[in-house]
Amino acid sequence: MQEGKEYIINTILIDFSSNETGSAIMKYKVNIKKAEEGYSIWCPGLPGCWSQGKNEEEALENIKDAIKAYLDTMEDLCKNEDSRYVEVA
């Protein structure tokens, strides 16, 4: 995989470039649905990760926070587990 290229993995788009802090940028596919009270939004690649907003823009901002919290929680839950990383070509 090359820097500056984008790859879609299931519902996660990984962009191998970096932001101003040097962190890798990850883009997640989200689904959004208009409801009576605003918008519901969820990330199919992260089970249970959902949010909402009064409008589409607010929902999109809120799901960013939900994804960050989800990933932080998963990292904490797996901290003492015997984990491995795999590379998929």
C-alpha atoms as a PDB file:
ATOM      1  CA  MET A   1       0.000   0.000   0.000  1.00  0.00           C
ATOM      2  CA  GLN A   2       1.289   3.420  -0.879  1.00  0.00           C
ATOM      3  CA  GLU A   3       1.059   6.809   0.781  1.00  0.00           C
ATOM      4  CA  GLY A   4      -1.558   9.004  -0.829  1.00  0.00           C
ATOM      5  CA  LYS A   5      -3.598   5.997  -2.010  1.00  0.00           C
ATOM      6  CA  GLU A   6      -7.006   5.077  -0.625  1.00  0.00           C
ATOM      7  CA  TYR A   7      -8.167   1.513   0.008  1.00  0.00           C
ATOM      8  CA  ILE A   8     -11.633   0.370   1.002  1.00  0.00           C
ATOM      9  CA  ILE A   9     -11.635  -2.486   3.511  1.00  0.00           C
ATOM     10  CA  ASN A  10     -15.164  -3.656   4.300  1.00  0.00           C
ATOM     11  CA  THR A  11     -16.652  -0.386   5.500  1.00  0.00           C
ATOM     12  CA  ILE A  12     -13.405   1.332   6.438  1.00  0.00           C
ATOM     13  CA  LEU A  13     -11.575   3.560   3.997  1.00  0.00           C
ATOM     14  CA  ILE A  14      -7.941   3.885   5.009  1.00  0.00           C
ATOM     15  CA  ASP A  15      -6.146   6.873   3.518  1.00  0.00           C
ATOM     16  CA  PHE A  16      -2.381   6.381   3.766  1.00  0.00           C
ATOM     17  CA  SER A  17      -1.629  10.058   4.053  1.00  0.00           C
ATOM     18  CA  SER A  18      -1.368  12.022   7.259  1.00  0.00           C
ATOM     19  CA  ASN A  19      -2.883  15.138   8.752  1.00  0.00           C
ATOM     20  CA  GLU A  20      -1.081  18.161  10.203  1.00  0.00           C
ATOM     21  CA  THR A  21      -0.196  16.240  13.382  1.00  0.00           C
ATOM     22  CA  GLY A  22       1.287  13.340  11.419  1.00  0.00           C
ATOM     23  CA  SER A  23      -1.512  10.970  12.387  1.00  0.00           C
ATOM     24  CA  ALA A  24      -2.881   8.531   9.814  1.00  0.00           C
ATOM     25  CA  ILE A  25      -6.293   9.433   8.462  1.00  0.00           C
ATOM     26  CA  MET A  26      -8.981   6.756   8.570  1.00  0.00           C
ATOM     27  CA  LYS A  27     -12.326   7.237   6.905  1.00  0.00           C
ATOM     28  CA  TYR A  28     -15.266   5.099   7.949  1.00  0.00           C
ATOM     29  CA  LYS A  29     -18.358   4.414   5.860  1.00  0.00           C
ATOM     30  CA  VAL A  30     -21.466   5.508   7.744  1.00  0.00           C
ATOM     31  CA  ASN A  31     -25.140   5.085   7.000  1.00  0.00           C
ATOM     32  CA  ILE A  32     -27.554   7.895   7.691  1.00  0.00           C
ATOM     33  CA  LYS A  33     -31.331   7.870   7.871  1.00  0.00           C
ATOM     34  CA  LYS A  34     -33.773  10.733   8.284  1.00  0.00           C
ATOM     35  CA  ALA A  35     -36.142  10.193  11.198  1.00  0.00           C
ATOM     36  CA  GLU A  36     -38.979  12.223  12.708  1.00  0.00           C
ATOM     37  CA  GLU A  37     -36.660  13.784  15.277  1.00  0.00           C
ATOM     38  CA  GLY A  38     -33.618  14.393  13.061  1.00  0.00           C
ATOM     39  CA  TYR A  39     -31.054  12.004  11.633  1.00  0.00           C
ATOM     40  CA  SER A  40     -29.824   8.629  12.855  1.00  0.00           C
ATOM     41  CA  ILE A  41     -26.308   7.658  11.830  1.00  0.00           C
ATOM     42  CA  TRP A  42     -24.255   4.505  12.374  1.00  0.00           C
ATOM     43  CA  CYS A  43     -21.031   2.854  11.300  1.00  0.00           C
ATOM     44  CA  PRO A  44     -21.730  -0.673   9.957  1.00  0.00           C
ATOM     45  CA  GLY A  45     -18.078  -1.676  10.364  1.00  0.00           C
ATOM     46  CA  LEU A  46     -18.192  -0.935  14.109  1.00  0.00           C
ATOM     47  CA  PRO A  47     -21.135  -2.832  15.632  1.00  0.00           C
ATOM     48  CA  GLY A  48     -23.085  -0.717  18.104  1.00  0.00           C
ATOM     49  CA  CYS A  49     -21.443   2.542  17.033  1.00  0.00           C
ATOM     50  CA  TRP A  50     -24.245   4.997  16.317  1.00  0.00           C
ATOM     51  CA  SER A  51     -25.275   8.576  16.955  1.00  0.00           C
ATOM     52  CA  GLN A  52     -27.819  11.149  15.874  1.00  0.00           C
ATOM     53  CA  GLY A  53     -28.221  14.819  15.074  1.00  0.00           C
ATOM     54  CA  LYS A  54     -30.812  17.491  14.407  1.00  0.00           C
ATOM     55  CA  ASN A  55     -29.558  17.740  10.829  1.00  0.00           C
ATOM     56  CA  GLU A  56     -27.216  15.766   8.569  1.00  0.00           C
ATOM     57  CA  GLU A  57     -24.188  17.944   9.331  1.00  0.00           C
ATOM     58  CA  GLU A  58     -24.646  17.587  13.094  1.00  0.00           C
ATOM     59  CA  ALA A  59     -25.129  13.827  12.760  1.00  0.00           C
ATOM     60  CA  LEU A  60     -21.888  13.538  10.766  1.00  0.00           C
ATOM     61  CA  GLU A  61     -19.970  15.495  13.403  1.00  0.00           C
ATOM     62  CA  ASN A  62     -21.513  13.440  16.214  1.00  0.00           C
ATOM     63  CA  ILE A  63     -20.589  10.102  14.609  1.00  0.00           C
ATOM     64  CA  LYS A  64     -16.945  11.223  14.491  1.00  0.00           C
ATOM     65  CA  ASP A  65     -17.003  11.539  18.290  1.00  0.00           C
ATOM     66  CA  ALA A  66     -18.814   8.208  18.596  1.00  0.00           C
ATOM     67  CA  ILE A  67     -16.217   6.449  16.406  1.00  0.00           C
ATOM     68  CA  LYS A  68     -13.327   7.913  18.429  1.00  0.00           C
ATOM     69  CA  ALA A  69     -14.980   6.838  21.692  1.00  0.00           C
ATOM     70  CA  TYR A  70     -15.705   3.370  20.272  1.00  0.00           C
ATOM     71  CA  LEU A  71     -12.090   2.856  19.177  1.00  0.00           C
ATOM     72  CA  ASP A  72     -10.718   4.148  22.505  1.00  0.00           C
ATOM     73  CA  THR A  73     -13.037   1.799  24.398  1.00  0.00           C
ATOM     74  CA  MET A  74     -12.040  -1.188  22.258  1.00  0.00           C
ATOM     75  CA  GLU A  75      -8.360  -0.368  22.820  1.00  0.00           C
ATOM     76  CA  ASP A  76      -8.930  -0.243  26.591  1.00  0.00           C
ATOM     77  CA  LEU A  77     -10.891  -3.514  26.592  1.00  0.00           C
ATOM     78  CA  CYS A  78      -8.158  -5.302  24.628  1.00  0.00           C
ATOM     79  CA  LYS A  79      -5.217  -3.748  26.464  1.00  0.00           C
ATOM     80  CA  ASN A  80      -4.287  -6.874  28.431  1.00  0.00           C
ATOM     81  CA  GLU A  81      -5.241  -9.370  25.741  1.00  0.00           C
ATOM     82  CA  ASP A  82      -2.743 -11.386  23.743  1.00  0.00           C
ATOM     83  CA  SER A  83      -3.236  -9.621  20.408  1.00  0.00           C
ATOM     84  CA  ARG A  84      -1.597  -9.793  17.001  1.00  0.00           C
ATOM     85  CA  TYR A  85      -1.651  -7.630  13.912  1.00  0.00           C
ATOM     86  CA  VAL A  86      -2.037  -9.194  10.504  1.00  0.00           C
ATOM     87  CA  GLU A  87      -1.180  -7.749   7.150  1.00  0.00           C
ATOM     88  CA  VAL A  88      -3.558  -8.417   4.295  1.00  0.00           C
ATOM     89  CA  ALA A  89      -2.404  -7.998   0.724  1.00  0.00           C
END
